[in-house]
PDB file of all heavy atoms in Angstrom:
ATOM      1  N   GLY A   1      -4.984   1.229  10.530  1.00  0.00           N
ATOM      2  CA  GLY A   1      -4.497   2.535  10.925  1.00  0.00           C
ATOM      3  C   GLY A   1      -3.114   2.520  11.521  1.00  0.00           C
ATOM      4  O   GLY A   1      -2.507   3.590  11.689  1.00  0.00           O
ATOM      5  N   ARG A   2      -2.589   1.343  11.860  1.00  0.00           N
ATOM      6  CA  ARG A   2      -1.263   1.239  12.454  1.00  0.00           C
ATOM      7  C   ARG A   2      -0.276   0.501  11.559  1.00  0.00           C
ATOM      8  O   ARG A   2       0.907   0.835  11.535  1.00  0.00           O
ATOM      9  CB  ARG A   2      -1.338   0.523  13.807  1.00  0.00           C
ATOM     10  CG  ARG A   2      -2.199   1.239  14.832  1.00  0.00           C
ATOM     11  CD  ARG A   2      -2.054   0.612  16.209  1.00  0.00           C
ATOM     12  NE  ARG A   2      -2.526  -0.774  16.229  1.00  0.00           N
ATOM     13  CZ  ARG A   2      -1.764  -1.823  16.553  1.00  0.00           C
ATOM     14  NH1 ARG A   2      -0.493  -1.645  16.890  1.00  0.00           N
ATOM     15  NH2 ARG A   2      -2.285  -3.047  16.552  1.00  0.00           N
ATOM     16  N   PHE A   3      -0.752  -0.505  10.846  1.00  0.00           N
ATOM     17  CA  PHE A   3       0.113  -1.320   9.998  1.00  0.00           C
ATOM     18  C   PHE A   3      -0.147  -0.994   8.532  1.00  0.00           C
ATOM     19  O   PHE A   3      -1.282  -0.705   8.136  1.00  0.00           O
ATOM     20  CB  PHE A   3      -0.149  -2.812  10.211  1.00  0.00           C
ATOM     21  CG  PHE A   3       0.286  -3.353  11.547  1.00  0.00           C
ATOM     22  CD1 PHE A   3       0.701  -2.518  12.575  1.00  0.00           C
ATOM     23  CD2 PHE A   3       0.279  -4.722  11.764  1.00  0.00           C
ATOM     24  CE1 PHE A   3       1.093  -3.024  13.800  1.00  0.00           C
ATOM     25  CE2 PHE A   3       0.670  -5.243  12.981  1.00  0.00           C
ATOM     26  CZ  PHE A   3       1.081  -4.397  14.004  1.00  0.00           C
ATOM     27  N   THR A   4       0.904  -1.072   7.727  1.00  0.00           N
ATOM     28  CA  THR A   4       0.800  -0.823   6.303  1.00  0.00           C
ATOM     29  C   THR A   4       1.579  -1.877   5.536  1.00  0.00           C
ATOM     30  O   THR A   4       2.744  -2.142   5.847  1.00  0.00           O
ATOM     31  CB  THR A   4       1.331   0.574   5.930  1.00  0.00           C
ATOM     32  OG1 THR A   4       0.628   1.580   6.664  1.00  0.00           O
ATOM     33  CG2 THR A   4       1.146   0.829   4.437  1.00  0.00           C
ATOM     34  N   ILE A   5       0.947  -2.466   4.545  1.00  0.00           N
ATOM     35  CA  ILE A   5       1.593  -3.448   3.683  1.00  0.00           C
ATOM     36  C   ILE A   5       1.869  -2.805   2.335  1.00  0.00           C
ATOM     37  O   ILE A   5       1.015  -2.116   1.775  1.00  0.00           O
ATOM     38  CB  ILE A   5       0.718  -4.693   3.509  1.00  0.00           C
ATOM     39  CG1 ILE A   5       0.523  -5.399   4.855  1.00  0.00           C
ATOM     40  CG2 ILE A   5       1.324  -5.656   2.489  1.00  0.00           C
ATOM     41  CD1 ILE A   5      -0.489  -6.521   4.820  1.00  0.00           C
ATOM     42  N   SER A   6       3.058  -3.039   1.813  1.00  0.00           N
ATOM     43  CA  SER A   6       3.422  -2.528   0.502  1.00  0.00           C
ATOM     44  C   SER A   6       4.242  -3.568  -0.242  1.00  0.00           C
ATOM     45  O   SER A   6       4.769  -4.513   0.356  1.00  0.00           O
ATOM     46  CB  SER A   6       4.198  -1.215   0.616  1.00  0.00           C
ATOM     47  OG  SER A   6       5.393  -1.386   1.351  1.00  0.00           O
ATOM     48  N   ARG A   7       4.337  -3.388  -1.545  1.00  0.00           N
ATOM     49  CA  ARG A   7       5.061  -4.330  -2.389  1.00  0.00           C
ATOM     50  C   ARG A   7       6.045  -3.575  -3.272  1.00  0.00           C
ATOM     51  O   ARG A   7       5.696  -2.562  -3.879  1.00  0.00           O
ATOM     52  CB  ARG A   7       4.077  -5.119  -3.260  1.00  0.00           C
ATOM     53  CG  ARG A   7       4.726  -6.208  -4.117  1.00  0.00           C
ATOM     54  CD  ARG A   7       3.804  -6.674  -5.255  1.00  0.00           C
ATOM     55  NE  ARG A   7       2.553  -7.243  -4.787  1.00  0.00           N
ATOM     56  CZ  ARG A   7       2.365  -8.535  -4.515  1.00  0.00           C
ATOM     57  NH1 ARG A   7       3.376  -9.398  -4.654  1.00  0.00           N
ATOM     58  NH2 ARG A   7       1.179  -8.964  -4.117  1.00  0.00           N
ATOM     59  N   ASP A   8       7.254  -4.084  -3.340  1.00  0.00           N
ATOM     60  CA  ASP A   8       8.257  -3.597  -4.272  1.00  0.00           C
ATOM     61  C   ASP A   8       8.491  -4.721  -5.270  1.00  0.00           C
ATOM     62  O   ASP A   8       9.272  -5.640  -5.022  1.00  0.00           O
ATOM     63  CB  ASP A   8       9.544  -3.217  -3.554  1.00  0.00           C
ATOM     64  CG  ASP A   8      10.554  -2.546  -4.474  1.00  0.00           C
ATOM     65  OD1 ASP A   8      10.498  -2.754  -5.701  1.00  0.00           O
ATOM     66  OD2 ASP A   8      11.420  -1.806  -3.958  1.00  0.00           O
ATOM     67  N   SER A   9       7.807  -4.653  -6.397  1.00  0.00           N
ATOM     68  CA  SER A   9       7.851  -5.743  -7.361  1.00  0.00           C
ATOM     69  C   SER A   9       9.248  -5.966  -7.925  1.00  0.00           C
ATOM     70  O   SER A   9       9.644  -7.100  -8.193  1.00  0.00           O
ATOM     71  CB  SER A   9       6.859  -5.469  -8.501  1.00  0.00           C
ATOM     72  OG  SER A   9       5.529  -5.450  -8.025  1.00  0.00           O
ATOM     73  N   ALA A  10      10.000  -4.886  -8.120  1.00  0.00           N
ATOM     74  CA  ALA A  10      11.340  -5.003  -8.673  1.00  0.00           C
ATOM     75  C   ALA A  10      12.254  -5.817  -7.765  1.00  0.00           C
ATOM     76  O   ALA A  10      13.193  -6.464  -8.231  1.00  0.00           O
ATOM     77  CB  ALA A  10      11.938  -3.624  -8.928  1.00  0.00           C
ATOM     78  N   LYS A  11      11.998  -5.781  -6.473  1.00  0.00           N
ATOM     79  CA  LYS A  11      12.806  -6.511  -5.507  1.00  0.00           C
ATOM     80  C   LYS A  11      12.142  -7.799  -5.030  1.00  0.00           C
ATOM     81  O   LYS A  11      12.700  -8.496  -4.178  1.00  0.00           O
ATOM     82  CB  LYS A  11      13.111  -5.628  -4.302  1.00  0.00           C
ATOM     83  CG  LYS A  11      13.939  -4.399  -4.626  1.00  0.00           C
ATOM     84  CD  LYS A  11      14.219  -3.587  -3.371  1.00  0.00           C
ATOM     85  CE  LYS A  11      15.073  -2.375  -3.677  1.00  0.00           C
ATOM     86  NZ  LYS A  11      15.348  -1.568  -2.468  1.00  0.00           N
ATOM     87  N   ASN A  12      10.974  -8.107  -5.578  1.00  0.00           N
ATOM     88  CA  ASN A  12      10.220  -9.283  -5.150  1.00  0.00           C
ATOM     89  C   ASN A  12      10.048  -9.307  -3.633  1.00  0.00           C
ATOM     90  O   ASN A  12      10.190 -10.351  -2.991  1.00  0.00           O
ATOM     91  CB  ASN A  12      10.893 -10.574  -5.620  1.00  0.00           C
ATOM     92  CG  ASN A  12      10.957 -10.691  -7.127  1.00  0.00           C
ATOM     93  OD1 ASN A  12      12.026 -10.793  -7.718  1.00  0.00           O
ATOM     94  ND2 ASN A  12       9.784 -10.684  -7.762  1.00  0.00           N
ATOM     95  N   THR A  13       9.730  -8.164  -3.089  1.00  0.00           N
ATOM     96  CA  THR A  13       9.674  -8.008  -1.651  1.00  0.00           C
ATOM     97  C   THR A  13       8.368  -7.355  -1.231  1.00  0.00           C
ATOM     98  O   THR A  13       7.903  -6.410  -1.877  1.00  0.00           O
ATOM     99  CB  THR A  13      10.862  -7.174  -1.141  1.00  0.00           C
ATOM    100  OG1 THR A  13      12.082  -7.839  -1.481  1.00  0.00           O
ATOM    101  CG2 THR A  13      10.797  -6.991   0.368  1.00  0.00           C
ATOM    102  N   VAL A  14       7.805  -7.866  -0.163  1.00  0.00           N
ATOM    103  CA  VAL A  14       6.636  -7.287   0.466  1.00  0.00           C
ATOM    104  C   VAL A  14       7.022  -6.841   1.865  1.00  0.00           C
ATOM    105  O   VAL A  14       7.758  -7.543   2.572  1.00  0.00           O
ATOM    106  CB  VAL A  14       5.466  -8.286   0.504  1.00  0.00           C
ATOM    107  CG1 VAL A  14       4.308  -7.737   1.324  1.00  0.00           C
ATOM    108  CG2 VAL A  14       4.997  -8.601  -0.907  1.00  0.00           C
ATOM    109  N   TYR A  15       6.526  -5.690   2.264  1.00  0.00           N
ATOM    110  CA  TYR A  15       6.870  -5.113   3.551  1.00  0.00           C
ATOM    111  C   TYR A  15       5.644  -5.024   4.450  1.00  0.00           C
ATOM    112  O   TYR A  15       4.520  -4.820   3.983  1.00  0.00           O
ATOM    113  CB  TYR A  15       7.447  -3.706   3.387  1.00  0.00           C
ATOM    114  CG  TYR A  15       8.671  -3.647   2.511  1.00  0.00           C
ATOM    115  CD1 TYR A  15       8.568  -3.309   1.169  1.00  0.00           C
ATOM    116  CD2 TYR A  15       9.932  -3.924   3.034  1.00  0.00           C
ATOM    117  CE1 TYR A  15       9.689  -3.249   0.362  1.00  0.00           C
ATOM    118  CE2 TYR A  15      11.057  -3.870   2.229  1.00  0.00           C
ATOM    119  CZ  TYR A  15      10.936  -3.528   0.900  1.00  0.00           C
ATOM    120  OH  TYR A  15      12.047  -3.469   0.104  1.00  0.00           O
ATOM    121  N   LEU A  16       5.885  -5.165   5.723  1.00  0.00           N
ATOM    122  CA  LEU A  16       4.881  -4.892   6.734  1.00  0.00           C
ATOM    123  C   LEU A  16       5.443  -3.825   7.652  1.00  0.00           C
ATOM    124  O   LEU A  16       6.312  -4.109   8.481  1.00  0.00           O
ATOM    125  CB  LEU A  16       4.520  -6.152   7.524  1.00  0.00           C
ATOM    126  CG  LEU A  16       3.512  -5.967   8.659  1.00  0.00           C
ATOM    127  CD1 LEU A  16       2.152  -5.531   8.113  1.00  0.00           C
ATOM    128  CD2 LEU A  16       3.364  -7.244   9.477  1.00  0.00           C
ATOM    129  N   GLN A  17       4.970  -2.604   7.479  1.00  0.00           N
ATOM    130  CA  GLN A  17       5.368  -1.504   8.333  1.00  0.00           C
ATOM    131  C   GLN A  17       4.430  -1.457   9.528  1.00  0.00           C
ATOM    132  O   GLN A  17       3.220  -1.308   9.358  1.00  0.00           O
ATOM    133  CB  GLN A  17       5.320  -0.184   7.568  1.00  0.00           C
ATOM    134  CG  GLN A  17       5.670   1.041   8.397  1.00  0.00           C
ATOM    135  CD  GLN A  17       7.116   1.065   8.815  1.00  0.00           C
ATOM    136  OE1 GLN A  17       8.013   0.837   7.997  1.00  0.00           O
ATOM    137  NE2 GLN A  17       7.370   1.314  10.094  1.00  0.00           N
ATOM    138  N   MET A  18       4.979  -1.571  10.712  1.00  0.00           N
ATOM    139  CA  MET A  18       4.194  -1.610  11.932  1.00  0.00           C
ATOM    140  C   MET A  18       4.524  -0.386  12.770  1.00  0.00           C
ATOM    141  O   MET A  18       5.668  -0.207  13.190  1.00  0.00           O
ATOM    142  CB  MET A  18       4.469  -2.896  12.717  1.00  0.00           C
ATOM    143  CG  MET A  18       4.215  -4.166  11.916  1.00  0.00           C
ATOM    144  SD  MET A  18       4.480  -5.679  12.885  1.00  0.00           S
ATOM    145  CE  MET A  18       6.261  -5.593  13.101  1.00  0.00           C
ATOM    146  N   ASN A  19       3.532   0.439  12.994  1.00  0.00           N
ATOM    147  CA  ASN A  19       3.681   1.645  13.799  1.00  0.00           C
ATOM    148  C   ASN A  19       2.795   1.557  15.029  1.00  0.00           C
ATOM    149  O   ASN A  19       1.860   0.764  15.087  1.00  0.00           O
ATOM    150  CB  ASN A  19       3.317   2.887  12.985  1.00  0.00           C
ATOM    151  CG  ASN A  19       4.205   3.094  11.786  1.00  0.00           C
ATOM    152  OD1 ASN A  19       5.393   2.791  11.807  1.00  0.00           O
ATOM    153  ND2 ASN A  19       3.627   3.644  10.713  1.00  0.00           N
ATOM    154  N   SER A  20       3.081   2.400  15.999  1.00  0.00           N
ATOM    155  CA  SER A  20       2.290   2.460  17.230  1.00  0.00           C
ATOM    156  C   SER A  20       2.100   1.076  17.826  1.00  0.00           C
ATOM    157  O   SER A  20       0.997   0.673  18.196  1.00  0.00           O
ATOM    158  CB  SER A  20       0.939   3.129  16.964  1.00  0.00           C
ATOM    159  OG  SER A  20       1.102   4.435  16.453  1.00  0.00           O
ATOM    160  N   LEU A  21       3.175   0.347  17.928  1.00  0.00           N
ATOM    161  CA  LEU A  21       3.102  -1.035  18.380  1.00  0.00           C
ATOM    162  C   LEU A  21       2.647  -1.129  19.830  1.00  0.00           C
ATOM    163  O   LEU A  21       2.988  -0.286  20.664  1.00  0.00           O
ATOM    164  CB  LEU A  21       4.452  -1.715  18.212  1.00  0.00           C
ATOM    165  CG  LEU A  21       4.770  -2.135  16.772  1.00  0.00           C
ATOM    166  CD1 LEU A  21       6.259  -2.390  16.602  1.00  0.00           C
ATOM    167  CD2 LEU A  21       3.969  -3.379  16.396  1.00  0.00           C
ATOM    168  N   LYS A  22       1.878  -2.168  20.097  1.00  0.00           N
ATOM    169  CA  LYS A  22       1.339  -2.444  21.415  1.00  0.00           C
ATOM    170  C   LYS A  22       1.860  -3.785  21.906  1.00  0.00           C
ATOM    171  O   LYS A  22       2.197  -4.652  21.099  1.00  0.00           O
ATOM    172  CB  LYS A  22      -0.194  -2.487  21.373  1.00  0.00           C
ATOM    173  CG  LYS A  22      -0.854  -1.257  20.776  1.00  0.00           C
ATOM    174  CD  LYS A  22      -2.352  -1.473  20.638  1.00  0.00           C
ATOM    175  CE  LYS A  22      -3.032  -0.273  20.023  1.00  0.00           C
ATOM    176  NZ  LYS A  22      -4.492  -0.495  19.865  1.00  0.00           N
ATOM    177  N   PRO A  23       1.909  -3.986  23.220  1.00  0.00           N
ATOM    178  CA  PRO A  23       2.340  -5.296  23.725  1.00  0.00           C
ATOM    179  C   PRO A  23       1.522  -6.451  23.163  1.00  0.00           C
ATOM    180  O   PRO A  23       2.075  -7.542  22.954  1.00  0.00           O
ATOM    181  CB  PRO A  23       2.148  -5.159  25.237  1.00  0.00           C
ATOM    182  CG  PRO A  23       2.350  -3.708  25.496  1.00  0.00           C
ATOM    183  CD  PRO A  23       1.732  -3.017  24.309  1.00  0.00           C
ATOM    184  N   GLU A  24       0.252  -6.238  22.899  1.00  0.00           N
ATOM    185  CA  GLU A  24      -0.575  -7.294  22.355  1.00  0.00           C
ATOM    186  C   GLU A  24      -0.236  -7.647  20.905  1.00  0.00           C
ATOM    187  O   GLU A  24      -0.771  -8.622  20.364  1.00  0.00           O
ATOM    188  CB  GLU A  24      -2.065  -6.959  22.470  1.00  0.00           C
ATOM    189  CG  GLU A  24      -2.421  -5.571  21.980  1.00  0.00           C
ATOM    190  CD  GLU A  24      -2.505  -4.552  23.103  1.00  0.00           C
ATOM    191  OE1 GLU A  24      -1.586  -4.518  23.950  1.00  0.00           O
ATOM    192  OE2 GLU A  24      -3.497  -3.792  23.139  1.00  0.00           O
ATOM    193  N   ASP A  25       0.630  -6.873  20.271  1.00  0.00           N
ATOM    194  CA  ASP A  25       1.126  -7.222  18.948  1.00  0.00           C
ATOM    195  C   ASP A  25       2.233  -8.265  19.000  1.00  0.00           C
ATOM    196  O   ASP A  25       2.664  -8.754  17.956  1.00  0.00           O
ATOM    197  CB  ASP A  25       1.644  -5.983  18.216  1.00  0.00           C
ATOM    198  CG  ASP A  25       0.549  -4.978  17.901  1.00  0.00           C
ATOM    199  OD1 ASP A  25      -0.552  -5.398  17.497  1.00  0.00           O
ATOM    200  OD2 ASP A  25       0.805  -3.766  18.050  1.00  0.00           O
ATOM    201  N   THR A  26       2.707  -8.585  20.181  1.00  0.00           N
ATOM    202  CA  THR A  26       3.774  -9.571  20.331  1.00  0.00           C
ATOM    203  C   THR A  26       3.330 -10.920  19.782  1.00  0.00           C
ATOM    204  O   THR A  26       2.297 -11.460  20.180  1.00  0.00           O
ATOM    205  CB  THR A  26       4.171  -9.702  21.803  1.00  0.00           C
ATOM    206  OG1 THR A  26       4.733  -8.467  22.261  1.00  0.00           O
ATOM    207  CG2 THR A  26       5.197 -10.805  21.987  1.00  0.00           C
ATOM    208  N   ALA A  27       4.114 -11.462  18.868  1.00  0.00           N
ATOM    209  CA  ALA A  27       3.780 -12.725  18.224  1.00  0.00           C
ATOM    210  C   ALA A  27       4.909 -13.103  17.281  1.00  0.00           C
ATOM    211  O   ALA A  27       5.814 -12.308  17.017  1.00  0.00           O
ATOM    212  CB  ALA A  27       2.466 -12.617  17.447  1.00  0.00           C
ATOM    213  N   VAL A  28       4.834 -14.314  16.772  1.00  0.00           N
ATOM    214  CA  VAL A  28       5.650 -14.696  15.634  1.00  0.00           C
ATOM    215  C   VAL A  28       4.894 -14.288  14.379  1.00  0.00           C
ATOM    216  O   VAL A  28       3.732 -14.657  14.202  1.00  0.00           O
ATOM    217  CB  VAL A  28       5.948 -16.203  15.615  1.00  0.00           C
ATOM    218  CG1 VAL A  28       6.741 -16.570  14.364  1.00  0.00           C
ATOM    219  CG2 VAL A  28       6.720 -16.601  16.860  1.00  0.00           C
ATOM    220  N   TYR A  29       5.541 -13.540  13.537  1.00  0.00           N
ATOM    221  CA  TYR A  29       4.930 -13.055  12.313  1.00  0.00           C
ATOM    222  C   TYR A  29       5.415 -13.865  11.123  1.00  0.00           C
ATOM    223  O   TYR A  29       6.612 -14.127  10.978  1.00  0.00           O
ATOM    224  CB  TYR A  29       5.248 -11.574  12.099  1.00  0.00           C
ATOM    225  CG  TYR A  29       4.425 -10.665  12.971  1.00  0.00           C
ATOM    226  CD1 TYR A  29       4.645 -10.604  14.342  1.00  0.00           C
ATOM    227  CD2 TYR A  29       3.415  -9.869  12.425  1.00  0.00           C
ATOM    228  CE1 TYR A  29       3.874  -9.783  15.150  1.00  0.00           C
ATOM    229  CE2 TYR A  29       2.651  -9.042  13.227  1.00  0.00           C
ATOM    230  CZ  TYR A  29       2.882  -8.999  14.586  1.00  0.00           C
ATOM    231  OH  TYR A  29       2.119  -8.174  15.385  1.00  0.00           O
ATOM    232  N   TYR A  30       4.481 -14.252  10.274  1.00  0.00           N
ATOM    233  CA  TYR A  30       4.775 -15.049   9.097  1.00  0.00           C
ATOM    234  C   TYR A  30       4.296 -14.337   7.845  1.00  0.00           C
ATOM    235  O   TYR A  30       3.212 -13.750   7.834  1.00  0.00           O
ATOM    236  CB  TYR A  30       4.057 -16.406   9.154  1.00  0.00           C
ATOM    237  CG  TYR A  30       4.413 -17.277  10.333  1.00  0.00           C
ATOM    238  CD1 TYR A  30       3.721 -17.164  11.528  1.00  0.00           C
ATOM    239  CD2 TYR A  30       5.414 -18.233  10.223  1.00  0.00           C
ATOM    240  CE1 TYR A  30       4.023 -17.977  12.607  1.00  0.00           C
ATOM    241  CE2 TYR A  30       5.720 -19.047  11.291  1.00  0.00           C
ATOM    242  CZ  TYR A  30       5.025 -18.918  12.484  1.00  0.00           C
ATOM    243  OH  TYR A  30       5.336 -19.740  13.541  1.00  0.00           O
ATOM    244  N   CYS A  31       5.074 -14.407   6.791  1.00  0.00           N
ATOM    245  CA  CYS A  31       4.542 -14.039   5.495  1.00  0.00           C
ATOM    246  C   CYS A  31       4.167 -15.307   4.750  1.00  0.00           C
ATOM    247  O   CYS A  31       4.737 -16.374   4.969  1.00  0.00           O
ATOM    248  CB  CYS A  31       5.526 -13.188   4.681  1.00  0.00           C
ATOM    249  SG  CYS A  31       7.038 -14.008   4.163  1.00  0.00           S
ATOM    250  N   ALA A  32       3.184 -15.191   3.895  1.00  0.00           N
ATOM    251  CA  ALA A  32       2.667 -16.327   3.167  1.00  0.00           C
ATOM    252  C   ALA A  32       2.285 -15.895   1.765  1.00  0.00           C
ATOM    253  O   ALA A  32       2.006 -14.723   1.517  1.00  0.00           O
ATOM    254  CB  ALA A  32       1.458 -16.929   3.889  1.00  0.00           C
ATOM    255  N   ALA A  33       2.268 -16.850   0.857  1.00  0.00           N
ATOM    256  CA  ALA A  33       1.962 -16.559  -0.533  1.00  0.00           C
ATOM    257  C   ALA A  33       1.042 -17.611  -1.106  1.00  0.00           C
ATOM    258  O   ALA A  33       1.086 -18.780  -0.709  1.00  0.00           O
ATOM    259  CB  ALA A  33       3.244 -16.474  -1.362  1.00  0.00           C
ATOM    260  N   ARG A  34       0.225 -17.191  -2.033  1.00  0.00           N
ATOM    261  CA  ARG A  34      -0.585 -18.096  -2.808  1.00  0.00           C
ATOM    262  C   ARG A  34      -0.709 -17.566  -4.209  1.00  0.00           C
ATOM    263  O   ARG A  34      -0.660 -16.345  -4.421  1.00  0.00           O
ATOM    264  CB  ARG A  34      -1.974 -18.294  -2.181  1.00  0.00           C
ATOM    265  CG  ARG A  34      -2.877 -17.074  -2.237  1.00  0.00           C
ATOM    266  CD  ARG A  34      -4.241 -17.332  -1.583  1.00  0.00           C
ATOM    267  NE  ARG A  34      -4.921 -18.503  -2.123  1.00  0.00           N
ATOM    268  CZ  ARG A  34      -5.682 -18.512  -3.203  1.00  0.00           C
ATOM    269  NH1 ARG A  34      -5.897 -17.388  -3.895  1.00  0.00           N
ATOM    270  NH2 ARG A  34      -6.250 -19.647  -3.615  1.00  0.00           N
ATOM    271  N   ASP A  35      -0.844 -18.447  -5.163  1.00  0.00           N
ATOM    272  CA  ASP A  35      -1.182 -17.993  -6.499  1.00  0.00           C
ATOM    273  C   ASP A  35      -2.692 -17.870  -6.593  1.00  0.00           C
ATOM    274  O   ASP A  35      -3.399 -17.994  -5.596  1.00  0.00           O
ATOM    275  CB  ASP A  35      -0.593 -18.902  -7.579  1.00  0.00           C
ATOM    276  CG  ASP A  35      -0.929 -20.363  -7.390  1.00  0.00           C
ATOM    277  OD1 ASP A  35      -1.933 -20.677  -6.716  1.00  0.00           O
ATOM    278  OD2 ASP A  35      -0.185 -21.207  -7.906  1.00  0.00           O
ATOM    279  N   GLY A  36      -3.185 -17.600  -7.767  1.00  0.00           N
ATOM    280  CA  GLY A  36      -4.599 -17.319  -7.889  1.00  0.00           C
ATOM    281  C   GLY A  36      -4.848 -15.830  -7.799  1.00  0.00           C
ATOM    282  O   GLY A  36      -3.928 -15.013  -7.911  1.00  0.00           O
ATOM    283  N   SER A  37      -6.082 -15.475  -7.571  1.00  0.00           N
ATOM    284  CA  SER A  37      -6.469 -14.072  -7.665  1.00  0.00           C
ATOM    285  C   SER A  37      -7.228 -13.540  -6.465  1.00  0.00           C
ATOM    286  O   SER A  37      -7.619 -12.373  -6.462  1.00  0.00           O
ATOM    287  CB  SER A  37      -7.314 -13.848  -8.922  1.00  0.00           C
ATOM    288  OG  SER A  37      -8.500 -14.623  -8.888  1.00  0.00           O
TER     289      SER A  37
END
């Protein structure tokens, strides 16, 4: 309800939109990838 992930395939980019952020969201954020399904 607060975060939204989206993909722009043309730009090979994935986004993490973070709304209504809380202090407990403080962290190092990593993106990761795997092949497979």
